Amino acid sequence: MVPASTSFVSRSIQSMATDLDLMTVAEGVETPAQHAYLRDIGCHLFQGWLFGRPKPIEDLNQSTRRTAA
């Protein structure tokens, strides 16, 4: 369940983005329910703890090197 104030703000922002033909990125997505709600109102991209925990920059550098090889 999304609080009414959060729902109003997120729907308003998404509506403006849609009217301006912009893609949206939802930041701070922590639960499957948040992801489903944001997807249902039209958000395009998501980031947050639901998709991956923060990692040290060294881990990113290692995975980038492996991918490039």
C-alpha atoms as a PDB file:
ATOM      1  CA  MET A   1       0.000   0.000   0.000  1.00  0.00           C
ATOM      2  CA  VAL A   2       1.335   3.408  -0.964  1.00  0.00           C
ATOM      3  CA  PRO A   3       0.448   6.349   1.316  1.00  0.00           C
ATOM      4  CA  ALA A   4      -2.006   8.793  -0.277  1.00  0.00           C
ATOM      5  CA  SER A   5       0.449  11.705  -0.212  1.00  0.00           C
ATOM      6  CA  THR A   6       3.151   9.598  -1.894  1.00  0.00           C
ATOM      7  CA  SER A   7       0.655   8.310  -4.421  1.00  0.00           C
ATOM      8  CA  PHE A   8      -0.495  11.828  -5.327  1.00  0.00           C
ATOM      9  CA  VAL A   9       3.053  13.128  -5.792  1.00  0.00           C
ATOM     10  CA  SER A  10       4.305  10.140  -7.776  1.00  0.00           C
ATOM     11  CA  ARG A  11       1.235  10.107 -10.044  1.00  0.00           C
ATOM     12  CA  SER A  12       1.567  13.856 -10.628  1.00  0.00           C
ATOM     13  CA  ILE A  13       5.241  13.598 -11.543  1.00  0.00           C
ATOM     14  CA  GLN A  14       4.584  10.649 -13.836  1.00  0.00           C
ATOM     15  CA  SER A  15       1.706  12.501 -15.479  1.00  0.00           C
ATOM     16  CA  MET A  16       3.908  15.533 -16.176  1.00  0.00           C
ATOM     17  CA  ALA A  17       6.645  13.304 -17.588  1.00  0.00           C
ATOM     18  CA  THR A  18       4.152  11.548 -19.837  1.00  0.00           C
ATOM     19  CA  ASP A  19       2.765  14.876 -21.077  1.00  0.00           C
ATOM     20  CA  LEU A  20       6.320  16.000 -21.883  1.00  0.00           C
ATOM     21  CA  ASP A  21       7.155  12.679 -23.557  1.00  0.00           C
ATOM     22  CA  LEU A  22       9.904  11.959 -21.013  1.00  0.00           C
ATOM     23  CA  MET A  23      11.025   8.650 -19.564  1.00  0.00           C
ATOM     24  CA  THR A  24      11.107   8.367 -15.778  1.00  0.00           C
ATOM     25  CA  VAL A  25      13.508   6.674 -13.375  1.00  0.00           C
ATOM     26  CA  ALA A  26      12.112   5.660  -9.999  1.00  0.00           C
ATOM     27  CA  GLU A  27      14.859   5.824  -7.384  1.00  0.00           C
ATOM     28  CA  GLY A  28      14.869   4.165  -3.992  1.00  0.00           C
ATOM     29  CA  VAL A  29      12.660   1.206  -4.902  1.00  0.00           C
ATOM     30  CA  GLU A  30      12.895  -1.166  -1.947  1.00  0.00           C
ATOM     31  CA  THR A  31       9.939  -3.545  -2.180  1.00  0.00           C
ATOM     32  CA  PRO A  32       8.123  -5.536  -4.859  1.00  0.00           C
ATOM     33  CA  ALA A  33       4.947  -3.591  -3.993  1.00  0.00           C
ATOM     34  CA  GLN A  34       6.683  -0.260  -4.688  1.00  0.00           C
ATOM     35  CA  HIS A  35       8.025  -1.626  -7.971  1.00  0.00           C
ATOM     36  CA  ALA A  36       4.586  -2.862  -9.036  1.00  0.00           C
ATOM     37  CA  TYR A  37       2.922   0.434  -8.145  1.00  0.00           C
ATOM     38  CA  LEU A  38       5.515   2.538  -9.977  1.00  0.00           C
ATOM     39  CA  ARG A  39       5.403   0.248 -13.008  1.00  0.00           C
ATOM     40  CA  ASP A  40       1.602   0.434 -13.044  1.00  0.00           C
ATOM     41  CA  ILE A  41       1.595   4.243 -13.071  1.00  0.00           C
ATOM     42  CA  GLY A  42       4.022   4.252 -16.004  1.00  0.00           C
ATOM     43  CA  CYS A  43       7.563   4.546 -14.674  1.00  0.00           C
ATOM     44  CA  HIS A  44      10.087   3.203 -17.165  1.00  0.00           C
ATOM     45  CA  LEU A  45      13.261   2.507 -15.191  1.00  0.00           C
ATOM     46  CA  PHE A  46      13.925   1.580 -11.579  1.00  0.00           C
ATOM     47  CA  GLN A  47      16.813   1.517  -9.161  1.00  0.00           C
ATOM     48  CA  GLY A  48      17.118   0.764  -5.499  1.00  0.00           C
ATOM     49  CA  TRP A  49      17.776  -1.918  -2.936  1.00  0.00           C
ATOM     50  CA  LEU A  50      15.215  -4.239  -4.532  1.00  0.00           C
ATOM     51  CA  PHE A  51      17.529  -4.631  -7.537  1.00  0.00           C
ATOM     52  CA  GLY A  52      20.931  -4.541  -5.883  1.00  0.00           C
ATOM     53  CA  ARG A  53      22.772  -3.416  -2.805  1.00  0.00           C
ATOM     54  CA  PRO A  54      25.370  -0.640  -2.939  1.00  0.00           C
ATOM     55  CA  LYS A  55      28.854  -1.960  -3.665  1.00  0.00           C
ATOM     56  CA  PRO A  56      32.356  -0.564  -3.417  1.00  0.00           C
ATOM     57  CA  ILE A  57      33.715   1.006  -6.608  1.00  0.00           C
ATOM     58  CA  GLU A  58      36.305  -1.781  -6.807  1.00  0.00           C
ATOM     59  CA  ASP A  59      33.528  -4.327  -7.390  1.00  0.00           C
ATOM     60  CA  LEU A  60      32.172  -2.232 -10.265  1.00  0.00           C
ATOM     61  CA  ASN A  61      35.630  -1.953 -11.784  1.00  0.00           C
ATOM     62  CA  GLN A  62      36.104  -5.738 -11.615  1.00  0.00           C
ATOM     63  CA  SER A  63      32.742  -6.525 -13.194  1.00  0.00           C
ATOM     64  CA  THR A  64      33.337  -3.944 -15.935  1.00  0.00           C
ATOM     65  CA  ARG A  65      36.716  -5.496 -16.778  1.00  0.00           C
ATOM     66  CA  ARG A  66      35.156  -8.978 -16.954  1.00  0.00           C
ATOM     67  CA  THR A  67      32.372  -7.737 -19.235  1.00  0.00           C
ATOM     68  CA  ALA A  68      34.772  -5.915 -21.546  1.00  0.00           C
ATOM     69  CA  ALA A  69      37.057  -8.938 -21.913  1.00  0.00           C
END
